[in-house]
All heavy atoms as atom14 arrays in JSON, in Angstrom:
{
  "sequence": "DFLDLVGFPLRARHLAFEVFSRSFFADPKELSAAEMALMFHIYFLG",
  "atom14_mask": [
    [1, 1, 1, 1, 1, 1, 1, 1, 0, 0, 0, 0, 0, 0],
    [1, 1, 1, 1, 1, 1, 1, 1, 1, 1, 1, 0, 0, 0],
    [1, 1, 1, 1, 1, 1, 1, 1, 0, 0, 0, 0, 0, 0],
    [1, 1, 1, 1, 1, 1, 1, 1, 0, 0, 0, 0, 0, 0],
    [1, 1, 1, 1, 1, 1, 1, 1, 0, 0, 0, 0, 0, 0],
    [1, 1, 1, 1, 1, 1, 1, 0, 0, 0, 0, 0, 0, 0],
    [1, 1, 1, 1, 0, 0, 0, 0, 0, 0, 0, 0, 0, 0],
    [1, 1, 1, 1, 1, 1, 1, 1, 1, 1, 1, 0, 0, 0],
    [1, 1, 1, 1, 1, 1, 1, 0, 0, 0, 0, 0, 0, 0],
    [1, 1, 1, 1, 1, 1, 1, 1, 0, 0, 0, 0, 0, 0],
    [1, 1, 1, 1, 1, 1, 1, 1, 1, 1, 1, 0, 0, 0],
    [1, 1, 1, 1, 1, 0, 0, 0, 0, 0, 0, 0, 0, 0],
    [1, 1, 1, 1, 1, 1, 1, 1, 1, 1, 1, 0, 0, 0],
    [1, 1, 1, 1, 1, 1, 1, 1, 1, 1, 0, 0, 0, 0],
    [1, 1, 1, 1, 1, 1, 1, 1, 0, 0, 0, 0, 0, 0],
    [1, 1, 1, 1, 1, 0, 0, 0, 0, 0, 0, 0, 0, 0],
    [1, 1, 1, 1, 1, 1, 1, 1, 1, 1, 1, 0, 0, 0],
    [1, 1, 1, 1, 1, 1, 1, 1, 1, 0, 0, 0, 0, 0],
    [1, 1, 1, 1, 1, 1, 1, 0, 0, 0, 0, 0, 0, 0],
    [1, 1, 1, 1, 1, 1, 1, 1, 1, 1, 1, 0, 0, 0],
    [1, 1, 1, 1, 1, 1, 0, 0, 0, 0, 0, 0, 0, 0],
    [1, 1, 1, 1, 1, 1, 1, 1, 1, 1, 1, 0, 0, 0],
    [1, 1, 1, 1, 1, 1, 0, 0, 0, 0, 0, 0, 0, 0],
    [1, 1, 1, 1, 1, 1, 1, 1, 1, 1, 1, 0, 0, 0],
    [1, 1, 1, 1, 1, 1, 1, 1, 1, 1, 1, 0, 0, 0],
    [1, 1, 1, 1, 1, 0, 0, 0, 0, 0, 0, 0, 0, 0],
    [1, 1, 1, 1, 1, 1, 1, 1, 0, 0, 0, 0, 0, 0],
    [1, 1, 1, 1, 1, 1, 1, 0, 0, 0, 0, 0, 0, 0],
    [1, 1, 1, 1, 1, 1, 1, 1, 1, 0, 0, 0, 0, 0],
    [1, 1, 1, 1, 1, 1, 1, 1, 1, 0, 0, 0, 0, 0],
    [1, 1, 1, 1, 1, 1, 1, 1, 0, 0, 0, 0, 0, 0],
    [1, 1, 1, 1, 1, 1, 0, 0, 0, 0, 0, 0, 0, 0],
    [1, 1, 1, 1, 1, 0, 0, 0, 0, 0, 0, 0, 0, 0],
    [1, 1, 1, 1, 1, 0, 0, 0, 0, 0, 0, 0, 0, 0],
    [1, 1, 1, 1, 1, 1, 1, 1, 1, 0, 0, 0, 0, 0],
    [1, 1, 1, 1, 1, 1, 1, 1, 0, 0, 0, 0, 0, 0],
    [1, 1, 1, 1, 1, 0, 0, 0, 0, 0, 0, 0, 0, 0],
    [1, 1, 1, 1, 1, 1, 1, 1, 0, 0, 0, 0, 0, 0],
    [1, 1, 1, 1, 1, 1, 1, 1, 0, 0, 0, 0, 0, 0],
    [1, 1, 1, 1, 1, 1, 1, 1, 1, 1, 1, 0, 0, 0],
    [1, 1, 1, 1, 1, 1, 1, 1, 1, 1, 0, 0, 0, 0],
    [1, 1, 1, 1, 1, 1, 1, 1, 0, 0, 0, 0, 0, 0],
    [1, 1, 1, 1, 1, 1, 1, 1, 1, 1, 1, 1, 0, 0],
    [1, 1, 1, 1, 1, 1, 1, 1, 1, 1, 1, 0, 0, 0],
    [1, 1, 1, 1, 1, 1, 1, 1, 0, 0, 0, 0, 0, 0],
    [1, 1, 1, 1, 0, 0, 0, 0, 0, 0, 0, 0, 0, 0]
  ],
  "atom14_positions": [
    [[22.87, 20.51, 68.7], [23.35, 20.17, 67.36], [24.58, 19.28, 67.4], [24.76, 18.44, 66.54], [23.64, 21.46, 66.59], [22.37, 22.21, 66.2], [21.28, 21.59, 66.18], [22.45, 23.41, 65.94], [0.0, 0.0, 0.0], [0.0, 0.0, 0.0], [0.0, 0.0, 0.0], [0.0, 0.0, 0.0], [0.0, 0.0, 0.0], [0.0, 0.0, 0.0]],
    [[25.45, 19.51, 68.37], [26.64, 18.68, 68.5], [26.23, 17.27, 68.8], [26.8, 16.3, 68.15], [27.54, 19.18, 69.63], [28.75, 18.31, 69.83], [29.77, 18.34, 68.96], [28.85, 17.45, 70.95], [30.93, 17.58, 69.16], [29.9, 16.66, 71.13], [30.99, 16.69, 70.21], [0.0, 0.0, 0.0], [0.0, 0.0, 0.0], [0.0, 0.0, 0.0]],
    [[25.3, 16.96, 69.66], [24.82, 15.62, 69.9], [24.2, 15.05, 68.66], [24.28, 13.83, 68.44], [23.87, 15.6, 71.09], [24.5, 16.0, 72.44], [23.45, 16.01, 73.51], [25.59, 15.03, 72.8], [0.0, 0.0, 0.0], [0.0, 0.0, 0.0], [0.0, 0.0, 0.0], [0.0, 0.0, 0.0], [0.0, 0.0, 0.0], [0.0, 0.0, 0.0]],
    [[23.57, 15.85, 67.85], [23.03, 15.36, 66.57], [24.15, 14.91, 65.66], [24.11, 13.88, 64.98], [22.19, 16.48, 65.88], [20.71, 16.29, 66.11], [20.29, 15.29, 66.7], [19.95, 17.17, 65.67], [0.0, 0.0, 0.0], [0.0, 0.0, 0.0], [0.0, 0.0, 0.0], [0.0, 0.0, 0.0], [0.0, 0.0, 0.0], [0.0, 0.0, 0.0]],
    [[25.22, 15.71, 65.61], [26.39, 15.37, 64.74], [27.01, 14.06, 65.22], [27.43, 13.23, 64.36], [27.4, 16.49, 64.79], [27.03, 17.8, 64.1], [28.07, 18.88, 64.43], [26.94, 17.62, 62.61], [0.0, 0.0, 0.0], [0.0, 0.0, 0.0], [0.0, 0.0, 0.0], [0.0, 0.0, 0.0], [0.0, 0.0, 0.0], [0.0, 0.0, 0.0]],
    [[27.1, 13.87, 66.5], [27.64, 12.68, 67.04], [26.8, 11.48, 66.79], [27.23, 10.31, 66.71], [27.96, 12.84, 68.54], [28.37, 11.57, 69.21], [29.03, 13.91, 68.76], [0.0, 0.0, 0.0], [0.0, 0.0, 0.0], [0.0, 0.0, 0.0], [0.0, 0.0, 0.0], [0.0, 0.0, 0.0], [0.0, 0.0, 0.0], [0.0, 0.0, 0.0]],
    [[25.45, 11.71, 66.71], [24.5, 10.61, 66.59], [24.25, 9.99, 67.95], [23.98, 8.77, 68.07], [0.0, 0.0, 0.0], [0.0, 0.0, 0.0], [0.0, 0.0, 0.0], [0.0, 0.0, 0.0], [0.0, 0.0, 0.0], [0.0, 0.0, 0.0], [0.0, 0.0, 0.0], [0.0, 0.0, 0.0], [0.0, 0.0, 0.0], [0.0, 0.0, 0.0]],
    [[24.32, 10.81, 68.98], [24.14, 10.31, 70.34], [22.73, 9.77, 70.48], [21.78, 10.49, 70.05], [24.37, 11.41, 71.41], [24.72, 10.95, 72.77], [25.96, 10.57, 73.09], [23.69, 10.85, 73.68], [26.25, 10.12, 74.39], [23.97, 10.4, 74.96], [25.25, 10.02, 75.34], [0.0, 0.0, 0.0], [0.0, 0.0, 0.0], [0.0, 0.0, 0.0]],
    [[22.52, 8.62, 71.04], [21.15, 8.04, 71.09], [20.15, 8.94, 71.79], [20.45, 9.57, 72.81], [21.39, 6.77, 71.95], [22.83, 6.41, 71.81], [23.52, 7.74, 71.66], [0.0, 0.0, 0.0], [0.0, 0.0, 0.0], [0.0, 0.0, 0.0], [0.0, 0.0, 0.0], [0.0, 0.0, 0.0], [0.0, 0.0, 0.0], [0.0, 0.0, 0.0]],
    [[18.99, 9.07, 71.13], [18.0, 9.98, 71.63], [17.54, 9.7, 73.05], [17.4, 10.57, 73.84], [16.76, 10.02, 70.69], [15.76, 11.15, 70.91], [16.37, 12.5, 70.71], [14.55, 10.94, 69.97], [0.0, 0.0, 0.0], [0.0, 0.0, 0.0], [0.0, 0.0, 0.0], [0.0, 0.0, 0.0], [0.0, 0.0, 0.0], [0.0, 0.0, 0.0]],
    [[17.41, 8.44, 73.39], [16.99, 8.02, 74.71], [18.0, 8.47, 75.73], [17.66, 9.07, 76.76], [16.78, 6.48, 74.77], [15.61, 5.97, 74.01], [15.85, 4.53, 73.52], [16.11, 3.62, 74.64], [15.2, 2.81, 75.17], [13.94, 2.89, 74.75], [15.53, 1.99, 76.15], [0.0, 0.0, 0.0], [0.0, 0.0, 0.0], [0.0, 0.0, 0.0]],
    [[19.26, 8.21, 75.5], [20.28, 8.57, 76.44], [20.46, 10.09, 76.51], [20.79, 10.65, 77.53], [21.62, 7.9, 76.04], [0.0, 0.0, 0.0], [0.0, 0.0, 0.0], [0.0, 0.0, 0.0], [0.0, 0.0, 0.0], [0.0, 0.0, 0.0], [0.0, 0.0, 0.0], [0.0, 0.0, 0.0], [0.0, 0.0, 0.0], [0.0, 0.0, 0.0]],
    [[20.24, 10.72, 75.35], [20.38, 12.23, 75.33], [19.34, 12.82, 76.26], [19.64, 13.7, 77.07], [20.15, 12.72, 73.95], [20.32, 14.22, 73.79], [19.87, 14.74, 72.49], [20.53, 14.08, 71.36], [20.43, 14.49, 70.07], [19.74, 15.59, 69.85], [21.01, 13.82, 69.13], [0.0, 0.0, 0.0], [0.0, 0.0, 0.0], [0.0, 0.0, 0.0]],
    [[18.12, 12.41, 76.2], [17.09, 12.94, 77.05], [17.39, 12.69, 78.48], [17.17, 13.53, 79.38], [15.71, 12.33, 76.67], [15.18, 12.9, 75.37], [15.31, 14.21, 75.0], [14.49, 12.28, 74.36], [14.78, 14.39, 73.81], [14.21, 13.25, 73.43], [0.0, 0.0, 0.0], [0.0, 0.0, 0.0], [0.0, 0.0, 0.0], [0.0, 0.0, 0.0]],
    [[17.85, 11.47, 78.8], [17.99, 11.11, 80.21], [19.24, 11.6, 80.82], [19.22, 12.06, 81.97], [17.87, 9.59, 80.35], [17.67, 9.04, 81.77], [16.39, 9.69, 82.37], [17.52, 7.52, 81.77], [0.0, 0.0, 0.0], [0.0, 0.0, 0.0], [0.0, 0.0, 0.0], [0.0, 0.0, 0.0], [0.0, 0.0, 0.0], [0.0, 0.0, 0.0]],
    [[20.34, 11.51, 80.12], [21.63, 11.86, 80.69], [22.07, 13.27, 80.33], [22.19, 14.13, 81.21], [22.7, 10.87, 80.26], [0.0, 0.0, 0.0], [0.0, 0.0, 0.0], [0.0, 0.0, 0.0], [0.0, 0.0, 0.0], [0.0, 0.0, 0.0], [0.0, 0.0, 0.0], [0.0, 0.0, 0.0], [0.0, 0.0, 0.0], [0.0, 0.0, 0.0]],
    [[22.23, 13.54, 79.04], [22.79, 14.85, 78.66], [21.89, 16.0, 79.01], [22.35, 17.12, 79.4], [23.17, 14.87, 77.17], [24.59, 14.38, 76.93], [24.86, 13.11, 76.59], [25.64, 15.29, 77.12], [26.15, 12.68, 76.4], [26.94, 14.89, 76.93], [27.23, 13.6, 76.58], [0.0, 0.0, 0.0], [0.0, 0.0, 0.0], [0.0, 0.0, 0.0]],
    [[20.58, 15.86, 78.84], [19.7, 16.99, 79.14], [19.7, 17.3, 80.58], [19.67, 18.44, 81.0], [18.28, 16.66, 78.67], [18.0, 17.06, 77.19], [16.57, 17.24, 76.9], [15.77, 17.41, 77.83], [16.25, 17.15, 75.7], [0.0, 0.0, 0.0], [0.0, 0.0, 0.0], [0.0, 0.0, 0.0], [0.0, 0.0, 0.0], [0.0, 0.0, 0.0]],
    [[19.8, 16.29, 81.46], [19.86, 16.54, 82.88], [21.11, 17.41, 83.2], [21.04, 18.34, 83.99], [19.94, 15.21, 83.65], [20.29, 15.45, 85.12], [18.65, 14.5, 83.56], [0.0, 0.0, 0.0], [0.0, 0.0, 0.0], [0.0, 0.0, 0.0], [0.0, 0.0, 0.0], [0.0, 0.0, 0.0], [0.0, 0.0, 0.0], [0.0, 0.0, 0.0]],
    [[22.24, 17.13, 82.56], [23.44, 17.86, 82.81], [23.37, 19.28, 82.15], [23.68, 20.26, 82.79], [24.68, 17.12, 82.27], [25.06, 16.02, 83.17], [25.04, 14.74, 82.7], [25.53, 16.24, 84.48], [25.43, 13.63, 83.55], [25.89, 15.18, 85.27], [25.84, 13.89, 84.8], [0.0, 0.0, 0.0], [0.0, 0.0, 0.0], [0.0, 0.0, 0.0]],
    [[22.97, 19.32, 80.92], [22.97, 20.61, 80.21], [22.03, 21.59, 80.88], [22.29, 22.79, 80.94], [22.69, 20.42, 78.71], [21.36, 19.98, 78.52], [0.0, 0.0, 0.0], [0.0, 0.0, 0.0], [0.0, 0.0, 0.0], [0.0, 0.0, 0.0], [0.0, 0.0, 0.0], [0.0, 0.0, 0.0], [0.0, 0.0, 0.0], [0.0, 0.0, 0.0]],
    [[20.91, 21.07, 81.35], [19.94, 21.98, 81.95], [20.41, 22.41, 83.35], [19.84, 23.38, 83.97], [18.61, 21.31, 82.02], [17.96, 21.21, 80.68], [16.6, 20.45, 80.71], [15.58, 21.17, 81.39], [14.8, 22.12, 80.82], [15.0, 22.45, 79.58], [13.87, 22.72, 81.52], [0.0, 0.0, 0.0], [0.0, 0.0, 0.0], [0.0, 0.0, 0.0]],
    [[21.46, 21.81, 83.88], [22.02, 22.33, 85.14], [22.67, 23.69, 84.88], [22.96, 24.43, 85.84], [23.05, 21.36, 85.72], [24.19, 21.28, 84.9], [0.0, 0.0, 0.0], [0.0, 0.0, 0.0], [0.0, 0.0, 0.0], [0.0, 0.0, 0.0], [0.0, 0.0, 0.0], [0.0, 0.0, 0.0], [0.0, 0.0, 0.0], [0.0, 0.0, 0.0]],
    [[22.89, 24.06, 83.64], [23.36, 25.41, 83.3], [22.12, 26.34, 83.11], [22.3, 27.46, 82.66], [24.16, 25.38, 81.99], [25.53, 24.82, 82.15], [25.79, 23.47, 81.91], [26.57, 25.59, 82.6], [27.06, 22.94, 82.07], [27.84, 25.12, 82.76], [28.09, 23.74, 82.47], [0.0, 0.0, 0.0], [0.0, 0.0, 0.0], [0.0, 0.0, 0.0]],
    [[20.92, 25.87, 83.44], [19.71, 26.66, 83.4], [19.44, 27.16, 81.98], [18.9, 28.22, 81.74], [19.8, 27.85, 84.35], [20.0, 27.47, 85.8], [21.28, 27.32, 86.36], [18.91, 27.24, 86.66], [21.42, 26.97, 87.65], [19.09, 26.84, 87.91], [20.35, 26.69, 88.43], [0.0, 0.0, 0.0], [0.0, 0.0, 0.0], [0.0, 0.0, 0.0]],
    [[19.78, 26.3, 81.01], [19.62, 26.66, 79.61], [19.06, 25.51, 78.82], [19.3, 24.36, 79.09], [20.94, 27.11, 79.02], [0.0, 0.0, 0.0], [0.0, 0.0, 0.0], [0.0, 0.0, 0.0], [0.0, 0.0, 0.0], [0.0, 0.0, 0.0], [0.0, 0.0, 0.0], [0.0, 0.0, 0.0], [0.0, 0.0, 0.0], [0.0, 0.0, 0.0]],
    [[18.36, 25.83, 77.74], [17.9, 24.87, 76.8], [19.11, 24.39, 76.02], [19.93, 25.14, 75.57], [16.86, 25.51, 75.85], [16.22, 24.51, 74.94], [16.92, 23.77, 74.26], [14.95, 24.49, 74.91], [0.0, 0.0, 0.0], [0.0, 0.0, 0.0], [0.0, 0.0, 0.0], [0.0, 0.0, 0.0], [0.0, 0.0, 0.0], [0.0, 0.0, 0.0]],
    [[19.27, 23.05, 75.79], [20.41, 22.53, 75.05], [20.53, 23.16, 73.62], [21.65, 23.18, 73.07], [20.14, 21.04, 74.99], [19.26, 20.73, 76.15], [18.38, 21.94, 76.31], [0.0, 0.0, 0.0], [0.0, 0.0, 0.0], [0.0, 0.0, 0.0], [0.0, 0.0, 0.0], [0.0, 0.0, 0.0], [0.0, 0.0, 0.0], [0.0, 0.0, 0.0]],
    [[19.45, 23.65, 73.08], [19.48, 24.26, 71.75], [20.12, 25.61, 71.8], [20.52, 26.17, 70.75], [18.11, 24.38, 71.15], [17.47, 23.01, 70.84], [16.09, 23.16, 70.22], [15.5, 21.77, 69.91], [14.13, 21.85, 69.37], [0.0, 0.0, 0.0], [0.0, 0.0, 0.0], [0.0, 0.0, 0.0], [0.0, 0.0, 0.0], [0.0, 0.0, 0.0]],
    [[20.25, 26.24, 72.97], [20.85, 27.53, 73.15], [22.28, 27.44, 73.77], [23.01, 28.42, 73.69], [19.96, 28.4, 74.04], [18.49, 28.52, 73.53], [18.42, 29.23, 72.22], [19.23, 30.12, 71.92], [17.5, 28.86, 71.43], [0.0, 0.0, 0.0], [0.0, 0.0, 0.0], [0.0, 0.0, 0.0], [0.0, 0.0, 0.0], [0.0, 0.0, 0.0]],
    [[22.57, 26.38, 74.42], [23.81, 26.25, 75.16], [24.98, 25.94, 74.23], [24.87, 25.06, 73.35], [23.66, 25.13, 76.19], [24.9, 24.84, 77.05], [25.24, 25.96, 78.02], [24.67, 23.51, 77.83], [0.0, 0.0, 0.0], [0.0, 0.0, 0.0], [0.0, 0.0, 0.0], [0.0, 0.0, 0.0], [0.0, 0.0, 0.0], [0.0, 0.0, 0.0]],
    [[26.14, 26.59, 74.44], [27.29, 26.3, 73.66], [27.76, 24.84, 73.86], [27.83, 24.35, 74.95], [28.44, 27.23, 74.12], [29.71, 26.74, 73.61], [0.0, 0.0, 0.0], [0.0, 0.0, 0.0], [0.0, 0.0, 0.0], [0.0, 0.0, 0.0], [0.0, 0.0, 0.0], [0.0, 0.0, 0.0], [0.0, 0.0, 0.0], [0.0, 0.0, 0.0]],
    [[28.08, 24.21, 72.72], [28.56, 22.81, 72.81], [29.88, 22.73, 73.53], [30.25, 21.72, 74.17], [28.7, 22.22, 71.43], [0.0, 0.0, 0.0], [0.0, 0.0, 0.0], [0.0, 0.0, 0.0], [0.0, 0.0, 0.0], [0.0, 0.0, 0.0], [0.0, 0.0, 0.0], [0.0, 0.0, 0.0], [0.0, 0.0, 0.0], [0.0, 0.0, 0.0]],
    [[30.66, 23.82, 73.51], [31.96, 23.82, 74.23], [31.71, 23.71, 75.76], [32.46, 23.0, 76.4], [32.7, 25.12, 73.9], [0.0, 0.0, 0.0], [0.0, 0.0, 0.0], [0.0, 0.0, 0.0], [0.0, 0.0, 0.0], [0.0, 0.0, 0.0], [0.0, 0.0, 0.0], [0.0, 0.0, 0.0], [0.0, 0.0, 0.0], [0.0, 0.0, 0.0]],
    [[30.69, 24.39, 76.23], [30.37, 24.33, 77.68], [29.9, 22.94, 78.03], [30.29, 22.41, 79.09], [29.33, 25.37, 78.0], [29.4, 25.83, 79.47], [30.63, 26.63, 79.8], [31.13, 27.38, 78.94], [31.06, 26.57, 80.93], [0.0, 0.0, 0.0], [0.0, 0.0, 0.0], [0.0, 0.0, 0.0], [0.0, 0.0, 0.0], [0.0, 0.0, 0.0]],
    [[29.12, 22.3, 77.16], [28.73, 20.91, 77.42], [29.85, 19.96, 77.38], [29.97, 19.05, 78.23], [27.65, 20.53, 76.39], [27.07, 19.13, 76.66], [26.4, 18.33, 75.17], [27.92, 18.05, 74.28], [0.0, 0.0, 0.0], [0.0, 0.0, 0.0], [0.0, 0.0, 0.0], [0.0, 0.0, 0.0], [0.0, 0.0, 0.0], [0.0, 0.0, 0.0]],
    [[30.79, 20.14, 76.4], [31.93, 19.22, 76.32], [32.83, 19.42, 77.54], [33.37, 18.38, 78.08], [32.71, 19.58, 75.03], [0.0, 0.0, 0.0], [0.0, 0.0, 0.0], [0.0, 0.0, 0.0], [0.0, 0.0, 0.0], [0.0, 0.0, 0.0], [0.0, 0.0, 0.0], [0.0, 0.0, 0.0], [0.0, 0.0, 0.0], [0.0, 0.0, 0.0]],
    [[32.97, 20.64, 78.04], [33.77, 20.88, 79.24], [33.13, 20.16, 80.45], [33.82, 19.55, 81.24], [33.91, 22.38, 79.5], [34.69, 22.76, 80.74], [36.13, 22.28, 80.65], [34.66, 24.25, 80.93], [0.0, 0.0, 0.0], [0.0, 0.0, 0.0], [0.0, 0.0, 0.0], [0.0, 0.0, 0.0], [0.0, 0.0, 0.0], [0.0, 0.0, 0.0]],
    [[31.82, 20.23, 80.52], [31.1, 19.52, 81.57], [31.36, 18.04, 81.49], [31.57, 17.38, 82.5], [29.59, 19.86, 81.46], [28.68, 19.05, 82.33], [28.14, 17.49, 81.56], [27.25, 18.08, 80.12], [0.0, 0.0, 0.0], [0.0, 0.0, 0.0], [0.0, 0.0, 0.0], [0.0, 0.0, 0.0], [0.0, 0.0, 0.0], [0.0, 0.0, 0.0]],
    [[31.3, 17.48, 80.26], [31.5, 16.09, 80.08], [32.89, 15.71, 80.58], [33.14, 14.62, 81.19], [31.34, 15.75, 78.58], [31.27, 14.27, 78.31], [30.14, 13.54, 78.6], [32.32, 13.64, 77.62], [30.08, 12.19, 78.34], [32.23, 12.3, 77.32], [31.13, 11.55, 77.7], [0.0, 0.0, 0.0], [0.0, 0.0, 0.0], [0.0, 0.0, 0.0]],
    [[33.89, 16.55, 80.33], [35.25, 16.27, 80.77], [35.39, 16.31, 82.29], [35.98, 15.47, 82.93], [36.19, 17.31, 80.1], [37.62, 17.23, 80.6], [38.47, 16.28, 80.13], [38.3, 17.95, 81.53], [39.68, 16.44, 80.75], [39.59, 17.49, 81.58], [0.0, 0.0, 0.0], [0.0, 0.0, 0.0], [0.0, 0.0, 0.0], [0.0, 0.0, 0.0]],
    [[34.82, 17.39, 82.89], [34.99, 17.58, 84.35], [34.32, 16.46, 85.13], [34.93, 15.91, 86.08], [34.31, 18.93, 84.72], [35.09, 20.08, 84.15], [34.2, 19.06, 86.24], [34.39, 21.4, 84.26], [0.0, 0.0, 0.0], [0.0, 0.0, 0.0], [0.0, 0.0, 0.0], [0.0, 0.0, 0.0], [0.0, 0.0, 0.0], [0.0, 0.0, 0.0]],
    [[33.13, 16.01, 84.71], [32.41, 15.1, 85.52], [32.52, 13.63, 85.04], [32.2, 12.74, 85.83], [30.93, 15.46, 85.52], [30.66, 16.83, 86.09], [30.29, 17.9, 85.27], [30.78, 17.08, 87.46], [30.09, 19.13, 85.77], [30.55, 18.32, 87.97], [30.22, 19.36, 87.14], [29.99, 20.67, 87.68], [0.0, 0.0, 0.0], [0.0, 0.0, 0.0]],
    [[33.06, 13.42, 83.85], [32.91, 12.06, 83.35], [34.26, 11.5, 82.79], [34.86, 10.63, 83.37], [31.81, 12.0, 82.29], [31.2, 10.62, 82.12], [30.55, 10.03, 83.15], [31.29, 10.01, 80.88], [29.96, 8.77, 82.94], [30.69, 8.77, 80.69], [30.09, 8.13, 81.74], [0.0, 0.0, 0.0], [0.0, 0.0, 0.0], [0.0, 0.0, 0.0]],
    [[34.7, 12.04, 81.67], [35.88, 11.48, 81.02], [37.22, 12.02, 81.47], [38.22, 11.42, 81.2], [35.79, 11.65, 79.44], [35.03, 10.57, 78.72], [35.15, 10.79, 77.21], [35.61, 9.18, 79.06], [0.0, 0.0, 0.0], [0.0, 0.0, 0.0], [0.0, 0.0, 0.0], [0.0, 0.0, 0.0], [0.0, 0.0, 0.0], [0.0, 0.0, 0.0]],
    [[37.18, 13.16, 82.16], [38.47, 13.8, 82.54], [38.83, 13.55, 83.98], [39.98, 13.83, 84.34], [0.0, 0.0, 0.0], [0.0, 0.0, 0.0], [0.0, 0.0, 0.0], [0.0, 0.0, 0.0], [0.0, 0.0, 0.0], [0.0, 0.0, 0.0], [0.0, 0.0, 0.0], [0.0, 0.0, 0.0], [0.0, 0.0, 0.0], [0.0, 0.0, 0.0]]
  ]
}
């Protein structure tokens, strides 16, 4: 839902963000957006 709010491109979402979010062994619809944002910080922007 957070990626929907951001309007993150669907193509990039499937290829990049799903690969990362599923590394938590969870469906992105069930995973906390806070955990995904923290992942984005650790591996990418931070």
